[in-house]
Amino acid sequence: DLLIRALSVGQPHKAVPITVALSIAAAARVPGSVVAACVQQELVDPA
């Protein structure tokens, strides 16, 4: 549904910190956020 490249303690993360993923999921539901603007309308997985 969207792409993320996260940093952890100043270093590019090889995957994604789980707490960053949690924040991404919430921000995707916040109208007007930079994350919501990147998410396509129809989700790959409705879960």
PDB file of all heavy atoms in Angstrom:
ATOM      1  N   ASP A   1       0.811  -1.215   0.000  1.00  0.00           N
ATOM      2  CA  ASP A   1       0.000   0.000   0.000  1.00  0.00           C
ATOM      3  C   ASP A   1       0.844   1.264   0.000  1.00  0.00           C
ATOM      4  O   ASP A   1       0.410   2.310  -0.471  1.00  0.00           O
ATOM      5  CB  ASP A   1      -0.928   0.010   1.216  1.00  0.00           C
ATOM      6  CG  ASP A   1      -1.919  -1.133   1.183  1.00  0.00           C
ATOM      7  OD1 ASP A   1      -2.566  -1.319   0.136  1.00  0.00           O
ATOM      8  OD2 ASP A   1      -2.032  -1.854   2.190  1.00  0.00           O
ATOM      9  N   LEU A   2       2.034   1.184   0.552  1.00  0.00           N
ATOM     10  CA  LEU A   2       2.963   2.308   0.532  1.00  0.00           C
ATOM     11  C   LEU A   2       4.356   1.805   0.853  1.00  0.00           C
ATOM     12  O   LEU A   2       4.535   0.665   1.293  1.00  0.00           O
ATOM     13  CB  LEU A   2       2.563   3.408   1.511  1.00  0.00           C
ATOM     14  CG  LEU A   2       2.924   3.241   2.994  1.00  0.00           C
ATOM     15  CD1 LEU A   2       2.913   4.598   3.675  1.00  0.00           C
ATOM     16  CD2 LEU A   2       1.971   2.302   3.701  1.00  0.00           C
ATOM     17  N   LEU A   3       5.354   2.667   0.629  1.00  0.00           N
ATOM     18  CA  LEU A   3       6.748   2.326   0.894  1.00  0.00           C
ATOM     19  C   LEU A   3       7.260   3.134   2.074  1.00  0.00           C
ATOM     20  O   LEU A   3       6.882   4.295   2.271  1.00  0.00           O
ATOM     21  CB  LEU A   3       7.608   2.618  -0.341  1.00  0.00           C
ATOM     22  CG  LEU A   3       7.266   1.846  -1.611  1.00  0.00           C
ATOM     23  CD1 LEU A   3       8.136   2.322  -2.773  1.00  0.00           C
ATOM     24  CD2 LEU A   3       7.448   0.346  -1.399  1.00  0.00           C
ATOM     25  N   ILE A   4       8.139   2.520   2.859  1.00  0.00           N
ATOM     26  CA  ILE A   4       8.768   3.183   3.996  1.00  0.00           C
ATOM     27  C   ILE A   4      10.236   2.812   4.031  1.00  0.00           C
ATOM     28  O   ILE A   4      10.606   1.645   3.838  1.00  0.00           O
ATOM     29  CB  ILE A   4       8.078   2.796   5.328  1.00  0.00           C
ATOM     30  CG1 ILE A   4       8.859   3.321   6.554  1.00  0.00           C
ATOM     31  CG2 ILE A   4       7.945   1.283   5.437  1.00  0.00           C
ATOM     32  CD1 ILE A   4       8.766   4.775   6.776  1.00  0.00           C
ATOM     33  N   ARG A   5      11.081   3.801   4.262  1.00  0.00           N
ATOM     34  CA  ARG A   5      12.493   3.575   4.544  1.00  0.00           C
ATOM     35  C   ARG A   5      12.776   4.284   5.861  1.00  0.00           C
ATOM     36  O   ARG A   5      12.728   5.505   5.946  1.00  0.00           O
ATOM     37  CB  ARG A   5      13.396   4.113   3.422  1.00  0.00           C
ATOM     38  CG  ARG A   5      13.204   3.407   2.092  1.00  0.00           C
ATOM     39  CD  ARG A   5      13.606   1.942   2.166  1.00  0.00           C
ATOM     40  NE  ARG A   5      13.496   1.251   0.887  1.00  0.00           N
ATOM     41  CZ  ARG A   5      12.447   0.534   0.504  1.00  0.00           C
ATOM     42  NH1 ARG A   5      11.401   0.429   1.313  1.00  0.00           N
ATOM     43  NH2 ARG A   5      12.428  -0.069  -0.666  1.00  0.00           N
ATOM     44  N   ALA A   6      13.023   3.488   6.896  1.00  0.00           N
ATOM     45  CA  ALA A   6      13.119   4.023   8.246  1.00  0.00           C
ATOM     46  C   ALA A   6      14.558   4.127   8.712  1.00  0.00           C
ATOM     47  O   ALA A   6      15.431   3.383   8.259  1.00  0.00           O
ATOM     48  CB  ALA A   6      12.329   3.138   9.206  1.00  0.00           C
ATOM     49  N   LEU A   7      14.776   5.055   9.644  1.00  0.00           N
ATOM     50  CA  LEU A   7      16.069   5.183  10.303  1.00  0.00           C
ATOM     51  C   LEU A   7      15.908   4.836  11.773  1.00  0.00           C
ATOM     52  O   LEU A   7      14.863   5.121  12.388  1.00  0.00           O
ATOM     53  CB  LEU A   7      16.627   6.595  10.179  1.00  0.00           C
ATOM     54  CG  LEU A   7      17.472   6.900   8.933  1.00  0.00           C
ATOM     55  CD1 LEU A   7      16.596   6.896   7.683  1.00  0.00           C
ATOM     56  CD2 LEU A   7      18.175   8.238   9.076  1.00  0.00           C
ATOM     57  N   SER A   8      16.925   4.207  12.346  1.00  0.00           N
ATOM     58  CA  SER A   8      16.928   3.865  13.759  1.00  0.00           C
ATOM     59  C   SER A   8      18.268   4.270  14.352  1.00  0.00           C
ATOM     60  O   SER A   8      19.312   3.788  13.921  1.00  0.00           O
ATOM     61  CB  SER A   8      16.692   2.366  13.942  1.00  0.00           C
ATOM     62  OG  SER A   8      16.731   2.004  15.299  1.00  0.00           O
ATOM     63  N   VAL A   9      18.232   5.175  15.310  1.00  0.00           N
ATOM     64  CA  VAL A   9      19.433   5.702  15.965  1.00  0.00           C
ATOM     65  C   VAL A   9      20.431   6.188  14.909  1.00  0.00           C
ATOM     66  O   VAL A   9      21.623   5.889  14.965  1.00  0.00           O
ATOM     67  CB  VAL A   9      20.074   4.668  16.907  1.00  0.00           C
ATOM     68  CG1 VAL A   9      21.026   5.348  17.901  1.00  0.00           C
ATOM     69  CG2 VAL A   9      19.028   3.891  17.689  1.00  0.00           C
ATOM     70  N   GLY A  10      19.929   6.895  13.921  1.00  0.00           N
ATOM     71  CA  GLY A  10      20.775   7.519  12.912  1.00  0.00           C
ATOM     72  C   GLY A  10      21.206   6.616  11.785  1.00  0.00           C
ATOM     73  O   GLY A  10      21.878   7.066  10.856  1.00  0.00           O
ATOM     74  N   GLN A  11      20.843   5.337  11.833  1.00  0.00           N
ATOM     75  CA  GLN A  11      21.253   4.397  10.791  1.00  0.00           C
ATOM     76  C   GLN A  11      20.047   3.952   9.967  1.00  0.00           C
ATOM     77  O   GLN A  11      18.972   3.709  10.523  1.00  0.00           O
ATOM     78  CB  GLN A  11      21.902   3.156  11.409  1.00  0.00           C
ATOM     79  CG  GLN A  11      23.255   3.400  12.041  1.00  0.00           C
ATOM     80  CD  GLN A  11      23.875   2.091  12.532  1.00  0.00           C
ATOM     81  OE1 GLN A  11      23.199   1.213  13.039  1.00  0.00           O
ATOM     82  NE2 GLN A  11      25.174   1.965  12.374  1.00  0.00           N
ATOM     83  N   PRO A  12      20.207   3.802   8.653  1.00  0.00           N
ATOM     84  CA  PRO A  12      19.125   3.254   7.838  1.00  0.00           C
ATOM     85  C   PRO A  12      18.809   1.831   8.272  1.00  0.00           C
ATOM     86  O   PRO A  12      19.703   0.995   8.373  1.00  0.00           O
ATOM     87  CB  PRO A  12      19.693   3.290   6.410  1.00  0.00           C
ATOM     88  CG  PRO A  12      20.812   4.281   6.461  1.00  0.00           C
ATOM     89  CD  PRO A  12      21.378   4.195   7.840  1.00  0.00           C
ATOM     90  N   HIS A  13      17.552   1.573   8.560  1.00  0.00           N
ATOM     91  CA  HIS A  13      17.141   0.247   9.039  1.00  0.00           C
ATOM     92  C   HIS A  13      17.033  -0.710   7.863  1.00  0.00           C
ATOM     93  O   HIS A  13      16.543  -0.362   6.797  1.00  0.00           O
ATOM     94  CB  HIS A  13      15.798   0.350   9.766  1.00  0.00           C
ATOM     95  CG  HIS A  13      15.549  -0.744  10.746  1.00  0.00           C
ATOM     96  ND1 HIS A  13      15.199  -2.018  10.367  1.00  0.00           N
ATOM     97  CD2 HIS A  13      15.608  -0.766  12.105  1.00  0.00           C
ATOM     98  CE1 HIS A  13      15.042  -2.775  11.436  1.00  0.00           C
ATOM     99  NE2 HIS A  13      15.290  -2.044  12.515  1.00  0.00           N
ATOM    100  N   LYS A  14      17.492  -1.951   8.083  1.00  0.00           N
ATOM    101  CA  LYS A  14      17.447  -2.959   7.018  1.00  0.00           C
ATOM    102  C   LYS A  14      16.029  -3.440   6.748  1.00  0.00           C
ATOM    103  O   LYS A  14      15.756  -3.988   5.677  1.00  0.00           O
ATOM    104  CB  LYS A  14      18.323  -4.159   7.386  1.00  0.00           C
ATOM    105  CG  LYS A  14      19.789  -3.811   7.640  1.00  0.00           C
ATOM    106  CD  LYS A  14      20.479  -3.286   6.410  1.00  0.00           C
ATOM    107  CE  LYS A  14      21.961  -3.036   6.678  1.00  0.00           C
ATOM    108  NZ  LYS A  14      22.666  -2.466   5.492  1.00  0.00           N
ATOM    109  N   ALA A  15      15.130  -3.262   7.722  1.00  0.00           N
ATOM    110  CA  ALA A  15      13.724  -3.622   7.520  1.00  0.00           C
ATOM    111  C   ALA A  15      12.881  -2.427   7.978  1.00  0.00           C
ATOM    112  O   ALA A  15      12.941  -1.362   7.376  1.00  0.00           O
ATOM    113  CB  ALA A  15      13.388  -4.893   8.290  1.00  0.00           C
ATOM    114  N   VAL A  16      12.101  -2.590   9.048  1.00  0.00           N
ATOM    115  CA  VAL A  16      11.361  -1.458   9.615  1.00  0.00           C
ATOM    116  C   VAL A  16      11.128  -1.740  11.095  1.00  0.00           C
ATOM    117  O   VAL A  16      10.702  -2.842  11.463  1.00  0.00           O
ATOM    118  CB  VAL A  16      10.020  -1.215   8.876  1.00  0.00           C
ATOM    119  CG1 VAL A  16       9.113  -2.434   8.951  1.00  0.00           C
ATOM    120  CG2 VAL A  16       9.307   0.014   9.419  1.00  0.00           C
ATOM    121  N   PRO A  17      11.431  -0.788  11.982  1.00  0.00           N
ATOM    122  CA  PRO A  17      11.082  -0.974  13.394  1.00  0.00           C
ATOM    123  C   PRO A  17       9.572  -1.140  13.527  1.00  0.00           C
ATOM    124  O   PRO A  17       8.799  -0.448  12.856  1.00  0.00           O
ATOM    125  CB  PRO A  17      11.568   0.326  14.046  1.00  0.00           C
ATOM    126  CG  PRO A  17      12.618   0.854  13.115  1.00  0.00           C
ATOM    127  CD  PRO A  17      12.156   0.473  11.744  1.00  0.00           C
ATOM    128  N   ILE A  18       9.151  -2.056  14.385  1.00  0.00           N
ATOM    129  CA  ILE A  18       7.725  -2.338  14.520  1.00  0.00           C
ATOM    130  C   ILE A  18       6.947  -1.105  14.977  1.00  0.00           C
ATOM    131  O   ILE A  18       5.836  -0.844  14.509  1.00  0.00           O
ATOM    132  CB  ILE A  18       7.501  -3.518  15.484  1.00  0.00           C
ATOM    133  CG1 ILE A  18       8.030  -4.801  14.843  1.00  0.00           C
ATOM    134  CG2 ILE A  18       6.027  -3.677  15.821  1.00  0.00           C
ATOM    135  CD1 ILE A  18       7.415  -5.129  13.504  1.00  0.00           C
ATOM    136  N   THR A  19       7.516  -0.333  15.889  1.00  0.00           N
ATOM    137  CA  THR A  19       6.801   0.856  16.344  1.00  0.00           C
ATOM    138  C   THR A  19       6.648   1.876  15.213  1.00  0.00           C
ATOM    139  O   THR A  19       5.667   2.625  15.186  1.00  0.00           O
ATOM    140  CB  THR A  19       7.513   1.494  17.549  1.00  0.00           C
ATOM    141  OG1 THR A  19       8.901   1.685  17.242  1.00  0.00           O
ATOM    142  CG2 THR A  19       7.404   0.600  18.772  1.00  0.00           C
ATOM    143  N   VAL A  20       7.586   1.907  14.286  1.00  0.00           N
ATOM    144  CA  VAL A  20       7.433   2.777  13.110  1.00  0.00           C
ATOM    145  C   VAL A  20       6.286   2.259  12.241  1.00  0.00           C
ATOM    146  O   VAL A  20       5.470   3.036  11.733  1.00  0.00           O
ATOM    147  CB  VAL A  20       8.735   2.846  12.298  1.00  0.00           C
ATOM    148  CG1 VAL A  20       8.537   3.619  11.003  1.00  0.00           C
ATOM    149  CG2 VAL A  20       9.849   3.488  13.128  1.00  0.00           C
ATOM    150  N   ALA A  21       6.205   0.941  12.086  1.00  0.00           N
ATOM    151  CA  ALA A  21       5.117   0.354  11.307  1.00  0.00           C
ATOM    152  C   ALA A  21       3.764   0.638  11.953  1.00  0.00           C
ATOM    153  O   ALA A  21       2.772   0.915  11.258  1.00  0.00           O
ATOM    154  CB  ALA A  21       5.339  -1.148  11.165  1.00  0.00           C
ATOM    155  N   LEU A  22       3.689   0.586  13.293  1.00  0.00           N
ATOM    156  CA  LEU A  22       2.447   0.897  13.989  1.00  0.00           C
ATOM    157  C   LEU A  22       2.044   2.347  13.729  1.00  0.00           C
ATOM    158  O   LEU A  22       0.866   2.650  13.485  1.00  0.00           O
ATOM    159  CB  LEU A  22       2.604   0.662  15.490  1.00  0.00           C
ATOM    160  CG  LEU A  22       2.932  -0.760  15.955  1.00  0.00           C
ATOM    161  CD1 LEU A  22       3.101  -0.788  17.466  1.00  0.00           C
ATOM    162  CD2 LEU A  22       1.870  -1.745  15.514  1.00  0.00           C
ATOM    163  N   SER A  23       3.008   3.248  13.798  1.00  0.00           N
ATOM    164  CA  SER A  23       2.720   4.661  13.546  1.00  0.00           C
ATOM    165  C   SER A  23       2.293   4.892  12.105  1.00  0.00           C
ATOM    166  O   SER A  23       1.420   5.725  11.830  1.00  0.00           O
ATOM    167  CB  SER A  23       3.948   5.517  13.884  1.00  0.00           C
ATOM    168  OG  SER A  23       4.169   5.568  15.281  1.00  0.00           O
ATOM    169  N   ILE A  24       2.915   4.161  11.182  1.00  0.00           N
ATOM    170  CA  ILE A  24       2.539   4.257   9.769  1.00  0.00           C
ATOM    171  C   ILE A  24       1.076   3.856   9.579  1.00  0.00           C
ATOM    172  O   ILE A  24       0.303   4.523   8.887  1.00  0.00           O
ATOM    173  CB  ILE A  24       3.442   3.352   8.905  1.00  0.00           C
ATOM    174  CG1 ILE A  24       4.739   4.070   8.568  1.00  0.00           C
ATOM    175  CG2 ILE A  24       2.765   2.931   7.627  1.00  0.00           C
ATOM    176  CD1 ILE A  24       4.658   4.999   7.382  1.00  0.00           C
ATOM    177  N   ALA A  25       0.684   2.720  10.202  1.00  0.00           N
ATOM    178  CA  ALA A  25      -0.684   2.229  10.060  1.00  0.00           C
ATOM    179  C   ALA A  25      -1.691   3.234  10.600  1.00  0.00           C
ATOM    180  O   ALA A  25      -2.769   3.430  10.015  1.00  0.00           O
ATOM    181  CB  ALA A  25      -0.838   0.889  10.769  1.00  0.00           C
ATOM    182  N   ALA A  26      -1.349   3.878  11.710  1.00  0.00           N
ATOM    183  CA  ALA A  26      -2.244   4.885  12.276  1.00  0.00           C
ATOM    184  C   ALA A  26      -2.257   6.158  11.433  1.00  0.00           C
ATOM    185  O   ALA A  26      -3.321   6.723  11.150  1.00  0.00           O
ATOM    186  CB  ALA A  26      -1.828   5.201  13.706  1.00  0.00           C
ATOM    187  N   ALA A  27      -1.081   6.610  11.004  1.00  0.00           N
ATOM    188  CA  ALA A  27      -0.997   7.842  10.211  1.00  0.00           C
ATOM    189  C   ALA A  27      -1.714   7.706   8.875  1.00  0.00           C
ATOM    190  O   ALA A  27      -2.227   8.695   8.327  1.00  0.00           O
ATOM    191  CB  ALA A  27       0.468   8.209   9.985  1.00  0.00           C
ATOM    192  N   ALA A  28      -1.764   6.482   8.351  1.00  0.00           N
ATOM    193  CA  ALA A  28      -2.462   6.260   7.090  1.00  0.00           C
ATOM    194  C   ALA A  28      -3.955   6.536   7.218  1.00  0.00           C
ATOM    195  O   ALA A  28      -4.644   6.778   6.207  1.00  0.00           O
ATOM    196  CB  ALA A  28      -2.237   4.826   6.611  1.00  0.00           C
ATOM    197  N   ARG A  29      -4.461   6.513   8.463  1.00  0.00           N
ATOM    198  CA  ARG A  29      -5.881   6.762   8.711  1.00  0.00           C
ATOM    199  C   ARG A  29      -6.142   8.197   9.156  1.00  0.00           C
ATOM    200  O   ARG A  29      -7.298   8.538   9.481  1.00  0.00           O
ATOM    201  CB  ARG A  29      -6.373   5.798   9.784  1.00  0.00           C
ATOM    202  CG  ARG A  29      -6.181   4.312   9.444  1.00  0.00           C
ATOM    203  CD  ARG A  29      -7.281   3.769   8.585  1.00  0.00           C
ATOM    204  NE  ARG A  29      -8.558   3.813   9.265  1.00  0.00           N
ATOM    205  CZ  ARG A  29      -9.004   2.872  10.108  1.00  0.00           C
ATOM    206  NH1 ARG A  29      -8.243   1.798  10.333  1.00  0.00           N
ATOM    207  NH2 ARG A  29     -10.187   2.979  10.682  1.00  0.00           N
ATOM    208  N   VAL A  30      -5.109   9.021   9.205  1.00  0.00           N
ATOM    209  CA  VAL A  30      -5.265  10.421   9.621  1.00  0.00           C
ATOM    210  C   VAL A  30      -5.380  11.296   8.378  1.00  0.00           C
ATOM    211  O   VAL A  30      -4.401  11.471   7.643  1.00  0.00           O
ATOM    212  CB  VAL A  30      -4.072  10.889  10.482  1.00  0.00           C
ATOM    213  CG1 VAL A  30      -4.196  12.380  10.809  1.00  0.00           C
ATOM    214  CG2 VAL A  30      -3.984  10.063  11.760  1.00  0.00           C
ATOM    215  N   PRO A  31      -6.562  11.853   8.090  1.00  0.00           N
ATOM    216  CA  PRO A  31      -6.724  12.693   6.889  1.00  0.00           C
ATOM    217  C   PRO A  31      -5.748  13.868   6.891  1.00  0.00           C
ATOM    218  O   PRO A  31      -5.531  14.526   7.914  1.00  0.00           O
ATOM    219  CB  PRO A  31      -8.178  13.189   7.006  1.00  0.00           C
ATOM    220  CG  PRO A  31      -8.854  12.190   7.888  1.00  0.00           C
ATOM    221  CD  PRO A  31      -7.811  11.736   8.858  1.00  0.00           C
ATOM    222  N   GLY A  32      -5.129  14.096   5.753  1.00  0.00           N
ATOM    223  CA  GLY A  32      -4.215  15.218   5.608  1.00  0.00           C
ATOM    224  C   GLY A  32      -2.779  14.916   5.945  1.00  0.00           C
ATOM    225  O   GLY A  32      -1.895  15.750   5.698  1.00  0.00           O
ATOM    226  N   SER A  33      -2.497  13.736   6.513  1.00  0.00           N
ATOM    227  CA  SER A  33      -1.109  13.403   6.844  1.00  0.00           C
ATOM    228  C   SER A  33      -0.327  13.074   5.579  1.00  0.00           C
ATOM    229  O   SER A  33      -0.909  12.703   4.552  1.00  0.00           O
ATOM    230  CB  SER A  33      -1.056  12.216   7.811  1.00  0.00           C
ATOM    231  OG  SER A  33      -1.362  11.008   7.132  1.00  0.00           O
ATOM    232  N   VAL A  34       1.004  13.187   5.649  1.00  0.00           N
ATOM    233  CA  VAL A  34       1.815  12.866   4.477  1.00  0.00           C
ATOM    234  C   VAL A  34       1.734  11.376   4.155  1.00  0.00           C
ATOM    235  O   VAL A  34       1.916  10.966   3.010  1.00  0.00           O
ATOM    236  CB  VAL A  34       3.295  13.298   4.677  1.00  0.00           C
ATOM    237  CG1 VAL A  34       3.401  14.792   4.871  1.00  0.00           C
ATOM    238  CG2 VAL A  34       3.952  12.542   5.822  1.00  0.00           C
ATOM    239  N   VAL A  35       1.423  10.556   5.174  1.00  0.00           N
ATOM    240  CA  VAL A  35       1.292   9.119   4.946  1.00  0.00           C
ATOM    241  C   VAL A  35      -0.007   8.815   4.216  1.00  0.00           C
ATOM    242  O   VAL A  35      -0.027   8.052   3.238  1.00  0.00           O
ATOM    243  CB  VAL A  35       1.361   8.346   6.273  1.00  0.00           C
ATOM    244  CG1 VAL A  35       1.167   6.856   6.041  1.00  0.00           C
ATOM    245  CG2 VAL A  35       2.699   8.598   6.965  1.00  0.00           C
ATOM    246  N   ALA A  36      -1.113   9.402   4.671  1.00  0.00           N
ATOM    247  CA  ALA A  36      -2.409   9.162   4.036  1.00  0.00           C
ATOM    248  C   ALA A  36      -2.377   9.541   2.565  1.00  0.00           C
ATOM    249  O   ALA A  36      -3.018   8.888   1.726  1.00  0.00           O
ATOM    250  CB  ALA A  36      -3.500   9.934   4.763  1.00  0.00           C
ATOM    251  N   ALA A  37      -1.616  10.572   2.227  1.00  0.00           N
ATOM    252  CA  ALA A  37      -1.531  11.018   0.835  1.00  0.00           C
ATOM    253  C   ALA A  37      -0.809  10.010  -0.046  1.00  0.00           C
ATOM    254  O   ALA A  37      -0.942  10.059  -1.279  1.00  0.00           O
ATOM    255  CB  ALA A  37      -0.816  12.368   0.774  1.00  0.00           C
ATOM    256  N   CYS A  38      -0.058   9.089   0.561  1.00  0.00           N
ATOM    257  CA  CYS A  38       0.712   8.110  -0.213  1.00  0.00           C
ATOM    258  C   CYS A  38      -0.012   6.774  -0.375  1.00  0.00           C
ATOM    259  O   CYS A  38       0.391   5.946  -1.193  1.00  0.00           O
ATOM    260  CB  CYS A  38       2.059   7.849   0.466  1.00  0.00           C
ATOM    261  SG  CYS A  38       3.153   9.278   0.549  1.00  0.00           S
ATOM    262  N   VAL A  39      -1.058   6.550   0.426  1.00  0.00           N
ATOM    263  CA  VAL A  39      -1.732   5.256   0.430  1.00  0.00           C
ATOM    264  C   VAL A  39      -2.825   5.222  -0.621  1.00  0.00           C
ATOM    265  O   VAL A  39      -3.648   6.129  -0.703  1.00  0.00           O
ATOM    266  CB  VAL A  39      -2.324   4.958   1.824  1.00  0.00           C
ATOM    267  CG1 VAL A  39      -3.080   3.634   1.829  1.00  0.00           C
ATOM    268  CG2 VAL A  39      -1.224   4.930   2.875  1.00  0.00           C
ATOM    269  N   GLN A  40      -2.816   4.166  -1.414  1.00  0.00           N
ATOM    270  CA  GLN A  40      -3.852   4.021  -2.429  1.00  0.00           C
ATOM    271  C   GLN A  40      -5.195   3.716  -1.766  1.00  0.00           C
ATOM    272  O   GLN A  40      -5.269   3.227  -0.648  1.00  0.00           O
ATOM    273  CB  GLN A  40      -3.476   2.921  -3.416  1.00  0.00           C
ATOM    274  CG  GLN A  40      -3.120   1.582  -2.775  1.00  0.00           C
ATOM    275  CD  GLN A  40      -2.498   0.623  -3.764  1.00  0.00           C
ATOM    276  OE1 GLN A  40      -2.194   0.988  -4.885  1.00  0.00           O
ATOM    277  NE2 GLN A  40      -2.329  -0.622  -3.355  1.00  0.00           N
ATOM    278  N   GLN A  41      -6.281   4.038  -2.456  1.00  0.00           N
ATOM    279  CA  GLN A  41      -7.612   3.941  -1.887  1.00  0.00           C
ATOM    280  C   GLN A  41      -7.990   2.514  -1.524  1.00  0.00           C
ATOM    281  O   GLN A  41      -8.529   2.256  -0.455  1.00  0.00           O
ATOM    282  CB  GLN A  41      -8.639   4.512  -2.876  1.00  0.00           C
ATOM    283  CG  GLN A  41      -8.502   6.010  -3.108  1.00  0.00           C
ATOM    284  CD  GLN A  41      -8.779   6.796  -1.833  1.00  0.00           C
ATOM    285  OE1 GLN A  41      -9.736   6.532  -1.126  1.00  0.00           O
ATOM    286  NE2 GLN A  41      -7.916   7.763  -1.534  1.00  0.00           N
ATOM    287  N   GLU A  42      -7.717   1.561  -2.408  1.00  0.00           N
ATOM    288  CA  GLU A  42      -8.088   0.170  -2.168  1.00  0.00           C
ATOM    289  C   GLU A  42      -6.886  -0.581  -1.608  1.00  0.00           C
ATOM    290  O   GLU A  42      -5.850  -0.700  -2.264  1.00  0.00           O
ATOM    291  CB  GLU A  42      -8.559  -0.484  -3.461  1.00  0.00           C
ATOM    292  CG  GLU A  42      -9.415  -1.691  -3.198  1.00  0.00           C
ATOM    293  CD  GLU A  42     -10.374  -1.996  -4.341  1.00  0.00           C
ATOM    294  OE1 GLU A  42     -10.836  -1.075  -5.027  1.00  0.00           O
ATOM    295  OE2 GLU A  42     -10.610  -3.184  -4.527  1.00  0.00           O
ATOM    296  N   LEU A  43      -7.028  -1.092  -0.408  1.00  0.00           N
ATOM    297  CA  LEU A  43      -5.908  -1.738   0.258  1.00  0.00           C
ATOM    298  C   LEU A  43      -5.636  -3.120  -0.319  1.00  0.00           C
ATOM    299  O   LEU A  43      -6.550  -3.831  -0.744  1.00  0.00           O
ATOM    300  CB  LEU A  43      -6.176  -1.858   1.760  1.00  0.00           C
ATOM    301  CG  LEU A  43      -6.369  -0.543   2.526  1.00  0.00           C
ATOM    302  CD1 LEU A  43      -6.645  -0.836   3.998  1.00  0.00           C
ATOM    303  CD2 LEU A  43      -5.167   0.371   2.380  1.00  0.00           C
ATOM    304  N   VAL A  44      -4.355  -3.493  -0.305  1.00  0.00           N
ATOM    305  CA  VAL A  44      -3.963  -4.822  -0.774  1.00  0.00           C
ATOM    306  C   VAL A  44      -4.614  -5.892   0.087  1.00  0.00           C
ATOM    307  O   VAL A  44      -5.104  -6.919  -0.418  1.00  0.00           O
ATOM    308  CB  VAL A  44      -2.432  -4.965  -0.750  1.00  0.00           C
ATOM    309  CG1 VAL A  44      -2.007  -6.400  -0.999  1.00  0.00           C
ATOM    310  CG2 VAL A  44      -1.783  -4.021  -1.759  1.00  0.00           C
ATOM    311  N   ASP A  45      -4.632  -5.681   1.409  1.00  0.00           N
ATOM    312  CA  ASP A  45      -5.246  -6.614   2.349  1.00  0.00           C
ATOM    313  C   ASP A  45      -6.149  -5.795   3.271  1.00  0.00           C
ATOM    314  O   ASP A  45      -5.663  -4.910   3.993  1.00  0.00           O
ATOM    315  CB  ASP A  45      -4.172  -7.339   3.159  1.00  0.00           C
ATOM    316  CG  ASP A  45      -4.733  -8.459   4.022  1.00  0.00           C
ATOM    317  OD1 ASP A  45      -5.873  -8.332   4.495  1.00  0.00           O
ATOM    318  OD2 ASP A  45      -4.022  -9.460   4.221  1.00  0.00           O
ATOM    319  N   PRO A  46      -7.455  -6.055   3.268  1.00  0.00           N
ATOM    320  CA  PRO A  46      -8.365  -5.248   4.090  1.00  0.00           C
ATOM    321  C   PRO A  46      -8.102  -5.353   5.586  1.00  0.00           C
ATOM    322  O   PRO A  46      -8.628  -4.560   6.367  1.00  0.00           O
ATOM    323  CB  PRO A  46      -9.753  -5.810   3.730  1.00  0.00           C
ATOM    324  CG  PRO A  46      -9.509  -7.130   3.094  1.00  0.00           C
ATOM    325  CD  PRO A  46      -8.160  -7.067   2.473  1.00  0.00           C
ATOM    326  N   ALA A  47      -7.250  -6.313   6.004  1.00  0.00           N
ATOM    327  CA  ALA A  47      -6.950  -6.469   7.432  1.00  0.00           C
ATOM    328  C   ALA A  47      -6.064  -5.346   7.951  1.00  0.00           C
ATOM    329  O   ALA A  47      -5.939  -5.169   9.172  1.00  0.00           O
ATOM    330  CB  ALA A  47      -6.293  -7.817   7.692  1.00  0.00           C
TER     331      ALA A  47
END
